């Protein structure tokens, strides 16, 4: 355990963090938790601010989780900016930073032995293109939640499907009675690009093009009541491929279930996209109504 300047305390051992937080709970202090993989941006920091408004203790974890990368090269390229991350968290008023190593989180190795029942959520969209990804996500989030035991868990809407998967985890484990999932709106750059750690890997010309994903989602939002949804998805995909993207999917789905819809009278809808620009894969989504 080390202290960063006057406020933020850093822990590397789960047992030390558990003990500290138990003492805070005994004093009646509410705990907010923001799990991250580092390479922090203003989207992450907004979650810390939200936690600080509604809890007496705000905890952030930084752990690049190897089990959620189905492509090892993607893990190798994941940006690491720890010094800058610590500075941002301290300035944002984060109280505790949990910085575990792989042996701390996976003492028995990174081979996943427990299978979580995520139903169709892990076979569609991100699950279809990144097999095993969500099993890795829920494994590490479950372990982190067992250590931190927060009152409130903060996540960003940019990872829409991941938020739904975590809600399923809370439901399945009974933790939803103790932990409230707080989903915050996607933070965007001035031109509309969704903030993402992966944006750091974009070359200048790629960065200029990357906003096309958001513009394509806006195009869907502007036209979903006027054009058949299947035709609209085809037009949206062509807009991206014409600009040099390799599209994994563009989908229009029920916002509550993520199941694809065929017409626009199904209640609240969400448009979701995943596409490569060069070797950088970006995702985004937009509620349509």
C-alpha atoms as a PDB file:
ATOM      1  CA  UNK A   1       0.000   0.000   0.000  1.00  0.00           C
ATOM      2  CA  UNK A   2       1.441   3.379  -0.979  1.00  0.00           C
ATOM      3  CA  UNK A   3       0.061   6.887  -0.642  1.00  0.00           C
ATOM      4  CA  UNK A   4      -0.026   9.185  -3.655  1.00  0.00           C
ATOM      5  CA  UNK A   5       0.419  12.777  -2.450  1.00  0.00           C
ATOM      6  CA  UNK A   6      -2.203  13.640   0.175  1.00  0.00           C
ATOM      7  CA  UNK A   7      -5.239  11.640  -0.826  1.00  0.00           C
ATOM      8  CA  UNK A   8      -5.199   8.749  -3.209  1.00  0.00           C
ATOM      9  CA  UNK A   9      -4.100   5.445  -1.705  1.00  0.00           C
ATOM     10  CA  UNK A  10      -2.726   2.714  -3.974  1.00  0.00           C
ATOM     11  CA  UNK A  11      -3.183  -0.980  -3.248  1.00  0.00           C
ATOM     12  CA  UNK A  12      -1.636  -3.919  -5.062  1.00  0.00           C
ATOM     13  CA  UNK A  13      -2.890  -6.693  -2.773  1.00  0.00           C
ATOM     14  CA  UNK A  14      -6.570  -7.651  -2.713  1.00  0.00           C
ATOM     15  CA  UNK A  15      -6.358  -8.624   0.977  1.00  0.00           C
ATOM     16  CA  UNK A  16      -5.075  -5.156   1.953  1.00  0.00           C
ATOM     17  CA  UNK A  17      -7.777  -3.420  -0.073  1.00  0.00           C
ATOM     18  CA  UNK A  18     -10.525  -5.633   1.389  1.00  0.00           C
ATOM     19  CA  UNK A  19      -9.410  -4.839   4.925  1.00  0.00           C
ATOM     20  CA  UNK A  20      -9.248  -1.097   4.283  1.00  0.00           C
ATOM     21  CA  UNK A  21     -12.686  -0.978   2.643  1.00  0.00           C
ATOM     22  CA  UNK A  22     -14.221  -3.083   5.406  1.00  0.00           C
ATOM     23  CA  UNK A  23     -13.158  -0.403   7.888  1.00  0.00           C
ATOM     24  CA  UNK A  24     -14.705   2.283   5.669  1.00  0.00           C
ATOM     25  CA  UNK A  25     -17.987   0.361   5.519  1.00  0.00           C
ATOM     26  CA  UNK A  26     -18.010   0.061   9.310  1.00  0.00           C
ATOM     27  CA  UNK A  27     -17.918   3.863   9.419  1.00  0.00           C
ATOM     28  CA  UNK A  28     -21.023   3.944   7.191  1.00  0.00           C
ATOM     29  CA  UNK A  29     -19.201   5.162   4.091  1.00  0.00           C
ATOM     30  CA  UNK A  30     -20.678   4.344   0.690  1.00  0.00           C
ATOM     31  CA  UNK A  31     -18.261   3.000  -1.930  1.00  0.00           C
ATOM     32  CA  UNK A  32     -18.318   3.703  -5.664  1.00  0.00           C
ATOM     33  CA  UNK A  33     -16.251   1.622  -8.068  1.00  0.00           C
ATOM     34  CA  UNK A  34     -14.905   2.269 -11.575  1.00  0.00           C
ATOM     35  CA  UNK A  35     -13.133  -0.776 -13.102  1.00  0.00           C
ATOM     36  CA  UNK A  36     -10.775   0.139 -15.960  1.00  0.00           C
ATOM     37  CA  UNK A  37      -7.910  -1.223 -18.038  1.00  0.00           C
ATOM     38  CA  UNK A  38      -6.019   2.061 -17.834  1.00  0.00           C
ATOM     39  CA  UNK A  39      -5.126   4.378 -20.733  1.00  0.00           C
ATOM     40  CA  UNK A  40      -7.652   6.668 -19.089  1.00  0.00           C
ATOM     41  CA  UNK A  41      -9.536   9.413 -20.927  1.00  0.00           C
ATOM     42  CA  UNK A  42     -12.214  11.929 -19.984  1.00  0.00           C
ATOM     43  CA  UNK A  43     -14.886   9.241 -20.229  1.00  0.00           C
ATOM     44  CA  UNK A  44     -13.268   7.316 -17.387  1.00  0.00           C
ATOM     45  CA  UNK A  45     -12.678  10.488 -15.394  1.00  0.00           C
ATOM     46  CA  UNK A  46     -16.353  11.455 -15.723  1.00  0.00           C
ATOM     47  CA  UNK A  47     -17.199   8.136 -14.031  1.00  0.00           C
ATOM     48  CA  UNK A  48     -14.872   9.037 -11.142  1.00  0.00           C
ATOM     49  CA  UNK A  49     -16.576  12.428 -10.832  1.00  0.00           C
ATOM     50  CA  UNK A  50     -19.991  10.764 -10.808  1.00  0.00           C
ATOM     51  CA  UNK A  51     -18.843   8.336  -8.122  1.00  0.00           C
ATOM     52  CA  UNK A  52     -17.406  11.155  -6.001  1.00  0.00           C
ATOM     53  CA  UNK A  53     -20.764  12.955  -6.110  1.00  0.00           C
ATOM     54  CA  UNK A  54     -22.698   9.994  -4.726  1.00  0.00           C
ATOM     55  CA  UNK A  55     -20.265   8.044  -2.541  1.00  0.00           C
ATOM     56  CA  UNK A  56     -17.853   8.828   0.267  1.00  0.00           C
ATOM     57  CA  UNK A  57     -15.142   6.533  -1.180  1.00  0.00           C
ATOM     58  CA  UNK A  58     -14.335   6.244  -4.898  1.00  0.00           C
ATOM     59  CA  UNK A  59     -12.259   3.248  -5.996  1.00  0.00           C
ATOM     60  CA  UNK A  60     -10.722   2.813  -9.445  1.00  0.00           C
ATOM     61  CA  UNK A  61      -8.973  -0.353 -10.598  1.00  0.00           C
ATOM     62  CA  UNK A  62      -6.457  -0.541 -13.430  1.00  0.00           C
ATOM     63  CA  UNK A  63      -5.922  -4.063 -14.703  1.00  0.00           C
ATOM     64  CA  UNK A  64      -5.372  -5.076 -18.325  1.00  0.00           C
ATOM     65  CA  UNK A  65      -7.301  -8.325 -18.233  1.00  0.00           C
ATOM     66  CA  UNK A  66      -5.659 -10.963 -20.464  1.00  0.00           C
ATOM     67  CA  UNK A  67      -8.666 -13.308 -20.562  1.00  0.00           C
ATOM     68  CA  UNK A  68     -10.894 -10.878 -22.471  1.00  0.00           C
ATOM     69  CA  UNK A  69      -8.538 -10.564 -25.447  1.00  0.00           C
ATOM     70  CA  UNK A  70      -9.361 -13.261 -27.960  1.00  0.00           C
ATOM     71  CA  UNK A  71      -6.566 -11.854 -30.162  1.00  0.00           C
ATOM     72  CA  UNK A  72      -3.174 -11.920 -28.354  1.00  0.00           C
ATOM     73  CA  UNK A  73      -1.797  -9.179 -30.635  1.00  0.00           C
ATOM     74  CA  UNK A  74      -4.614  -6.890 -29.474  1.00  0.00           C
ATOM     75  CA  UNK A  75      -3.456  -7.402 -25.888  1.00  0.00           C
ATOM     76  CA  UNK A  76       0.145  -6.646 -26.892  1.00  0.00           C
ATOM     77  CA  UNK A  77      -0.917  -3.373 -28.525  1.00  0.00           C
ATOM     78  CA  UNK A  78      -3.146  -2.190 -25.683  1.00  0.00           C
ATOM     79  CA  UNK A  79      -1.825   1.237 -24.571  1.00  0.00           C
ATOM     80  CA  UNK A  80      -0.251   1.511 -21.109  1.00  0.00           C
ATOM     81  CA  UNK A  81      -0.040   5.038 -19.652  1.00  0.00           C
ATOM     82  CA  UNK A  82       0.164   4.363 -15.923  1.00  0.00           C
ATOM     83  CA  UNK A  83       1.938   7.530 -14.774  1.00  0.00           C
ATOM     84  CA  UNK A  84      -0.515   9.729 -16.630  1.00  0.00           C
ATOM     85  CA  UNK A  85      -3.439   7.617 -15.381  1.00  0.00           C
ATOM     86  CA  UNK A  86      -2.355   8.102 -11.757  1.00  0.00           C
ATOM     87  CA  UNK A  87      -2.068  11.862 -12.275  1.00  0.00           C
ATOM     88  CA  UNK A  88      -5.555  12.061 -13.808  1.00  0.00           C
ATOM     89  CA  UNK A  89      -7.129   9.985 -11.042  1.00  0.00           C
ATOM     90  CA  UNK A  90      -5.494  12.052  -8.323  1.00  0.00           C
ATOM     91  CA  UNK A  91      -6.676  15.296  -9.933  1.00  0.00           C
ATOM     92  CA  UNK A  92     -10.193  13.867 -10.293  1.00  0.00           C
ATOM     93  CA  UNK A  93     -10.396  13.168  -6.555  1.00  0.00           C
ATOM     94  CA  UNK A  94     -10.202   9.376  -6.724  1.00  0.00           C
ATOM     95  CA  UNK A  95      -9.659   7.988  -3.206  1.00  0.00           C
ATOM     96  CA  UNK A  96      -8.272   4.530  -3.939  1.00  0.00           C
ATOM     97  CA  UNK A  97      -6.434   2.996  -6.876  1.00  0.00           C
ATOM     98  CA  UNK A  98      -6.246  -0.797  -7.069  1.00  0.00           C
ATOM     99  CA  UNK A  99      -3.307  -1.920  -9.210  1.00  0.00           C
ATOM    100  CA  UNK A 100      -3.129  -5.724  -9.047  1.00  0.00           C
ATOM    101  CA  UNK A 101      -0.790  -7.876 -11.095  1.00  0.00           C
ATOM    102  CA  UNK A 102      -1.915 -10.951 -13.029  1.00  0.00           C
ATOM    103  CA  UNK A 103      -0.920 -13.415 -10.240  1.00  0.00           C
ATOM    104  CA  UNK A 104      -3.046 -11.420  -7.780  1.00  0.00           C
ATOM    105  CA  UNK A 105      -6.180 -11.682  -9.922  1.00  0.00           C
ATOM    106  CA  UNK A 106      -5.441 -15.121 -11.415  1.00  0.00           C
ATOM    107  CA  UNK A 107      -3.518 -17.044  -8.721  1.00  0.00           C
ATOM    108  CA  UNK A 108      -4.368 -20.358 -10.417  1.00  0.00           C
ATOM    109  CA  UNK A 109      -3.468 -19.164 -13.920  1.00  0.00           C
ATOM    110  CA  UNK A 110      -5.484 -17.477 -16.649  1.00  0.00           C
ATOM    111  CA  UNK A 111      -7.232 -20.594 -17.942  1.00  0.00           C
ATOM    112  CA  UNK A 112     -10.928 -19.927 -17.287  1.00  0.00           C
ATOM    113  CA  UNK A 113     -12.564 -22.825 -15.465  1.00  0.00           C
ATOM    114  CA  UNK A 114     -15.927 -21.292 -14.549  1.00  0.00           C
ATOM    115  CA  UNK A 115     -18.517 -20.721 -17.283  1.00  0.00           C
ATOM    116  CA  UNK A 116     -21.036 -17.943 -16.726  1.00  0.00           C
ATOM    117  CA  UNK A 117     -24.470 -18.269 -18.307  1.00  0.00           C
ATOM    118  CA  UNK A 118     -24.765 -15.143 -20.418  1.00  0.00           C
ATOM    119  CA  UNK A 119     -27.315 -16.597 -22.818  1.00  0.00           C
ATOM    120  CA  UNK A 120     -27.594 -15.098 -26.289  1.00  0.00           C
ATOM    121  CA  UNK A 121     -25.749 -11.945 -25.190  1.00  0.00           C
ATOM    122  CA  UNK A 122     -22.375 -13.621 -25.697  1.00  0.00           C
ATOM    123  CA  UNK A 123     -23.230 -14.947 -29.168  1.00  0.00           C
ATOM    124  CA  UNK A 124     -24.429 -11.753 -30.888  1.00  0.00           C
ATOM    125  CA  UNK A 125     -22.615  -8.584 -32.012  1.00  0.00           C
ATOM    126  CA  UNK A 126     -19.380  -8.315 -29.969  1.00  0.00           C
ATOM    127  CA  UNK A 127     -19.807 -11.895 -28.776  1.00  0.00           C
ATOM    128  CA  UNK A 128     -19.978 -13.162 -32.335  1.00  0.00           C
ATOM    129  CA  UNK A 129     -16.820 -11.361 -33.449  1.00  0.00           C
ATOM    130  CA  UNK A 130     -14.874 -11.819 -30.198  1.00  0.00           C
ATOM    131  CA  UNK A 131     -15.618 -15.355 -28.978  1.00  0.00           C
ATOM    132  CA  UNK A 132     -14.796 -15.825 -25.301  1.00  0.00           C
ATOM    133  CA  UNK A 133     -14.457 -12.079 -24.742  1.00  0.00           C
ATOM    134  CA  UNK A 134     -17.405 -11.699 -22.407  1.00  0.00           C
ATOM    135  CA  UNK A 135     -16.478 -14.745 -20.325  1.00  0.00           C
ATOM    136  CA  UNK A 136     -13.177 -12.990 -19.640  1.00  0.00           C
ATOM    137  CA  UNK A 137     -14.963  -9.729 -18.838  1.00  0.00           C
ATOM    138  CA  UNK A 138     -17.426 -11.209 -16.339  1.00  0.00           C
ATOM    139  CA  UNK A 139     -14.732 -13.353 -14.719  1.00  0.00           C
ATOM    140  CA  UNK A 140     -12.563 -10.357 -13.863  1.00  0.00           C
ATOM    141  CA  UNK A 141     -15.448  -8.033 -12.980  1.00  0.00           C
ATOM    142  CA  UNK A 142     -16.900 -10.657 -10.647  1.00  0.00           C
ATOM    143  CA  UNK A 143     -13.520 -11.052  -8.913  1.00  0.00           C
ATOM    144  CA  UNK A 144     -13.118  -7.287  -8.597  1.00  0.00           C
ATOM    145  CA  UNK A 145     -16.631  -6.905  -7.187  1.00  0.00           C
ATOM    146  CA  UNK A 146     -15.941  -9.587  -4.593  1.00  0.00           C
ATOM    147  CA  UNK A 147     -12.864  -7.613  -3.486  1.00  0.00           C
ATOM    148  CA  UNK A 148     -14.298  -4.072  -3.553  1.00  0.00           C
ATOM    149  CA  UNK A 149     -17.943  -4.864  -2.642  1.00  0.00           C
ATOM    150  CA  UNK A 150     -19.119  -1.451  -3.859  1.00  0.00           C
ATOM    151  CA  UNK A 151     -22.523   0.111  -3.344  1.00  0.00           C
ATOM    152  CA  UNK A 152     -22.412   1.583  -6.849  1.00  0.00           C
ATOM    153  CA  UNK A 153     -20.660   0.328  -9.993  1.00  0.00           C
ATOM    154  CA  UNK A 154     -19.998   2.884 -12.744  1.00  0.00           C
ATOM    155  CA  UNK A 155     -19.684   2.020 -16.442  1.00  0.00           C
ATOM    156  CA  UNK A 156     -19.932   3.939 -19.711  1.00  0.00           C
ATOM    157  CA  UNK A 157     -22.636   3.458 -22.337  1.00  0.00           C
ATOM    158  CA  UNK A 158     -20.053   3.242 -25.132  1.00  0.00           C
ATOM    159  CA  UNK A 159     -19.629  -0.417 -24.181  1.00  0.00           C
ATOM    160  CA  UNK A 160     -23.382  -0.967 -24.453  1.00  0.00           C
ATOM    161  CA  UNK A 161     -23.350  -4.744 -24.743  1.00  0.00           C
ATOM    162  CA  UNK A 162     -20.774  -5.067 -21.972  1.00  0.00           C
ATOM    163  CA  UNK A 163     -23.069  -3.083 -19.665  1.00  0.00           C
ATOM    164  CA  UNK A 164     -25.871  -5.552 -20.412  1.00  0.00           C
ATOM    165  CA  UNK A 165     -23.536  -8.487 -19.776  1.00  0.00           C
ATOM    166  CA  UNK A 166     -22.522  -7.023 -16.389  1.00  0.00           C
ATOM    167  CA  UNK A 167     -26.180  -6.510 -15.513  1.00  0.00           C
ATOM    168  CA  UNK A 168     -26.715 -10.202 -16.302  1.00  0.00           C
ATOM    169  CA  UNK A 169     -23.736 -11.056 -14.052  1.00  0.00           C
ATOM    170  CA  UNK A 170     -25.224  -9.060 -11.162  1.00  0.00           C
ATOM    171  CA  UNK A 171     -28.578 -10.741 -11.665  1.00  0.00           C
ATOM    172  CA  UNK A 172     -27.117 -14.234 -11.936  1.00  0.00           C
ATOM    173  CA  UNK A 173     -24.948 -13.889  -8.818  1.00  0.00           C
ATOM    174  CA  UNK A 174     -27.581 -12.120  -6.711  1.00  0.00           C
ATOM    175  CA  UNK A 175     -25.258  -9.123  -6.411  1.00  0.00           C
ATOM    176  CA  UNK A 176     -27.885  -6.837  -7.947  1.00  0.00           C
ATOM    177  CA  UNK A 177     -29.463  -6.608  -4.465  1.00  0.00           C
ATOM    178  CA  UNK A 178     -26.257  -5.062  -3.099  1.00  0.00           C
ATOM    179  CA  UNK A 179     -24.615  -3.335  -6.060  1.00  0.00           C
ATOM    180  CA  UNK A 180     -26.329  -0.701  -8.187  1.00  0.00           C
ATOM    181  CA  UNK A 181     -25.102  -0.504 -11.781  1.00  0.00           C
ATOM    182  CA  UNK A 182     -24.875   3.131 -12.895  1.00  0.00           C
ATOM    183  CA  UNK A 183     -24.502   3.530 -16.667  1.00  0.00           C
ATOM    184  CA  UNK A 184     -23.289   6.944 -17.786  1.00  0.00           C
ATOM    185  CA  UNK A 185     -23.658   8.519 -21.229  1.00  0.00           C
ATOM    186  CA  UNK A 186     -20.861   8.100 -23.750  1.00  0.00           C
ATOM    187  CA  UNK A 187     -18.315  10.904 -23.594  1.00  0.00           C
ATOM    188  CA  UNK A 188     -17.346  12.240 -27.007  1.00  0.00           C
ATOM    189  CA  UNK A 189     -14.645  14.373 -28.553  1.00  0.00           C
ATOM    190  CA  UNK A 190     -15.680  17.752 -29.980  1.00  0.00           C
ATOM    191  CA  UNK A 191     -16.296  16.188 -33.420  1.00  0.00           C
ATOM    192  CA  UNK A 192     -18.423  13.375 -31.976  1.00  0.00           C
ATOM    193  CA  UNK A 193     -15.903  10.502 -31.872  1.00  0.00           C
ATOM    194  CA  UNK A 194     -16.587   8.305 -28.839  1.00  0.00           C
ATOM    195  CA  UNK A 195     -13.724   8.541 -26.354  1.00  0.00           C
ATOM    196  CA  UNK A 196     -11.792   5.280 -26.244  1.00  0.00           C
ATOM    197  CA  UNK A 197      -8.378   4.081 -25.126  1.00  0.00           C
ATOM    198  CA  UNK A 198      -7.961   2.637 -28.633  1.00  0.00           C
ATOM    199  CA  UNK A 199      -8.106   6.132 -30.137  1.00  0.00           C
ATOM    200  CA  UNK A 200      -4.503   6.573 -28.941  1.00  0.00           C
ATOM    201  CA  UNK A 201      -3.438   4.092 -31.607  1.00  0.00           C
ATOM    202  CA  UNK A 202      -4.967   6.033 -34.508  1.00  0.00           C
ATOM    203  CA  UNK A 203      -2.633   7.776 -36.937  1.00  0.00           C
ATOM    204  CA  UNK A 204      -3.595  11.409 -37.725  1.00  0.00           C
ATOM    205  CA  UNK A 205      -5.349  10.550 -41.010  1.00  0.00           C
ATOM    206  CA  UNK A 206      -7.151   7.632 -39.316  1.00  0.00           C
ATOM    207  CA  UNK A 207      -8.228   9.888 -36.460  1.00  0.00           C
ATOM    208  CA  UNK A 208      -9.744  12.312 -38.977  1.00  0.00           C
ATOM    209  CA  UNK A 209     -11.717   9.451 -40.551  1.00  0.00           C
ATOM    210  CA  UNK A 210     -12.720   7.774 -37.268  1.00  0.00           C
ATOM    211  CA  UNK A 211     -15.570  10.219 -36.647  1.00  0.00           C
ATOM    212  CA  UNK A 212     -17.314   8.606 -39.668  1.00  0.00           C
ATOM    213  CA  UNK A 213     -18.604   5.892 -37.313  1.00  0.00           C
ATOM    214  CA  UNK A 214     -20.469   8.442 -35.211  1.00  0.00           C
ATOM    215  CA  UNK A 215     -21.659  10.264 -38.334  1.00  0.00           C
ATOM    216  CA  UNK A 216     -23.002   6.963 -39.679  1.00  0.00           C
ATOM    217  CA  UNK A 217     -24.912   6.328 -36.452  1.00  0.00           C
ATOM    218  CA  UNK A 218     -26.335   9.859 -36.709  1.00  0.00           C
ATOM    219  CA  UNK A 219     -27.347   9.050 -40.297  1.00  0.00           C
ATOM    220  CA  UNK A 220     -29.274   6.027 -38.974  1.00  0.00           C
ATOM    221  CA  UNK A 221     -30.892   8.142 -36.245  1.00  0.00           C
ATOM    222  CA  UNK A 222     -31.966  10.760 -38.779  1.00  0.00           C
ATOM    223  CA  UNK A 223     -33.479   8.211 -41.186  1.00  0.00           C
ATOM    224  CA  UNK A 224     -34.763   5.213 -39.220  1.00  0.00           C
ATOM    225  CA  UNK A 225     -38.380   6.426 -39.378  1.00  0.00           C
ATOM    226  CA  UNK A 226     -38.183   7.085 -43.131  1.00  0.00           C
ATOM    227  CA  UNK A 227     -36.318   4.063 -44.535  1.00  0.00           C
ATOM    228  CA  UNK A 228     -36.722   0.316 -44.049  1.00  0.00           C
ATOM    229  CA  UNK A 229     -34.236  -0.800 -41.407  1.00  0.00           C
ATOM    230  CA  UNK A 230     -32.552  -3.481 -43.531  1.00  0.00           C
ATOM    231  CA  UNK A 231     -32.005  -1.006 -46.355  1.00  0.00           C
ATOM    232  CA  UNK A 232     -30.811   1.608 -43.883  1.00  0.00           C
ATOM    233  CA  UNK A 233     -28.206  -0.761 -42.420  1.00  0.00           C
ATOM    234  CA  UNK A 234     -26.909  -1.540 -45.924  1.00  0.00           C
ATOM    235  CA  UNK A 235     -26.606   2.165 -46.720  1.00  0.00           C
ATOM    236  CA  UNK A 236     -24.874   2.813 -43.408  1.00  0.00           C
ATOM    237  CA  UNK A 237     -22.366   0.020 -44.004  1.00  0.00           C
ATOM    238  CA  UNK A 238     -21.629   1.329 -47.513  1.00  0.00           C
ATOM    239  CA  UNK A 239     -20.923   4.785 -46.083  1.00  0.00           C
ATOM    240  CA  UNK A 240     -18.174   3.252 -43.928  1.00  0.00           C
ATOM    241  CA  UNK A 241     -16.719   0.835 -46.473  1.00  0.00           C
ATOM    242  CA  UNK A 242     -16.550   3.649 -49.046  1.00  0.00           C
ATOM    243  CA  UNK A 243     -14.334   5.520 -46.565  1.00  0.00           C
ATOM    244  CA  UNK A 244     -11.981   2.577 -46.131  1.00  0.00           C
ATOM    245  CA  UNK A 245     -13.407   0.907 -43.023  1.00  0.00           C
ATOM    246  CA  UNK A 246     -13.702  -2.859 -42.614  1.00  0.00           C
ATOM    247  CA  UNK A 247     -17.088  -3.289 -40.952  1.00  0.00           C
ATOM    248  CA  UNK A 248     -17.765  -6.080 -38.476  1.00  0.00           C
ATOM    249  CA  UNK A 249     -21.387  -5.107 -37.974  1.00  0.00           C
ATOM    250  CA  UNK A 250     -23.962  -2.360 -38.083  1.00  0.00           C
ATOM    251  CA  UNK A 251     -27.113  -3.357 -36.239  1.00  0.00           C
ATOM    252  CA  UNK A 252     -30.363  -1.792 -35.096  1.00  0.00           C
ATOM    253  CA  UNK A 253     -31.645  -3.529 -31.991  1.00  0.00           C
ATOM    254  CA  UNK A 254     -34.130  -3.360 -29.171  1.00  0.00           C
ATOM    255  CA  UNK A 255     -32.385  -1.191 -26.566  1.00  0.00           C
ATOM    256  CA  UNK A 256     -33.575  -3.401 -23.700  1.00  0.00           C
ATOM    257  CA  UNK A 257     -32.628  -6.810 -25.148  1.00  0.00           C
ATOM    258  CA  UNK A 258     -30.137  -6.106 -27.963  1.00  0.00           C
ATOM    259  CA  UNK A 259     -32.106  -8.439 -30.214  1.00  0.00           C
ATOM    260  CA  UNK A 260     -32.235  -7.118 -33.796  1.00  0.00           C
ATOM    261  CA  UNK A 261     -35.491  -5.547 -34.957  1.00  0.00           C
ATOM    262  CA  UNK A 262     -37.045  -5.535 -38.393  1.00  0.00           C
ATOM    263  CA  UNK A 263     -39.160  -2.365 -38.084  1.00  0.00           C
ATOM    264  CA  UNK A 264     -39.164   0.807 -36.058  1.00  0.00           C
ATOM    265  CA  UNK A 265     -42.255   0.288 -33.888  1.00  0.00           C
ATOM    266  CA  UNK A 266     -40.518  -1.869 -31.238  1.00  0.00           C
ATOM    267  CA  UNK A 267     -40.115   0.682 -28.451  1.00  0.00           C
ATOM    268  CA  UNK A 268     -36.674   2.119 -27.742  1.00  0.00           C
ATOM    269  CA  UNK A 269     -34.029   1.250 -30.321  1.00  0.00           C
ATOM    270  CA  UNK A 270     -30.245   1.438 -30.374  1.00  0.00           C
ATOM    271  CA  UNK A 271     -27.910   1.479 -33.375  1.00  0.00           C
ATOM    272  CA  UNK A 272     -24.553  -0.229 -32.829  1.00  0.00           C
ATOM    273  CA  UNK A 273     -21.438  -0.372 -34.972  1.00  0.00           C
ATOM    274  CA  UNK A 274     -18.017  -2.003 -34.913  1.00  0.00           C
ATOM    275  CA  UNK A 275     -15.456  -1.356 -37.628  1.00  0.00           C
ATOM    276  CA  UNK A 276     -11.725  -1.406 -38.267  1.00  0.00           C
ATOM    277  CA  UNK A 277      -9.749   1.538 -39.496  1.00  0.00           C
ATOM    278  CA  UNK A 278      -6.346   0.089 -40.288  1.00  0.00           C
ATOM    279  CA  UNK A 279      -5.722  -2.404 -37.487  1.00  0.00           C
ATOM    280  CA  UNK A 280      -7.665  -0.431 -34.866  1.00  0.00           C
ATOM    281  CA  UNK A 281     -11.139  -1.712 -34.060  1.00  0.00           C
ATOM    282  CA  UNK A 282     -13.619   0.904 -32.853  1.00  0.00           C
ATOM    283  CA  UNK A 283     -17.136   0.476 -31.478  1.00  0.00           C
ATOM    284  CA  UNK A 284     -19.915   2.957 -30.852  1.00  0.00           C
ATOM    285  CA  UNK A 285     -23.669   3.097 -30.372  1.00  0.00           C
ATOM    286  CA  UNK A 286     -26.491   5.612 -30.337  1.00  0.00           C
ATOM    287  CA  UNK A 287     -29.990   5.474 -28.908  1.00  0.00           C
ATOM    288  CA  UNK A 288     -32.420   6.297 -31.700  1.00  0.00           C
ATOM    289  CA  UNK A 289     -35.485   7.428 -29.762  1.00  0.00           C
END
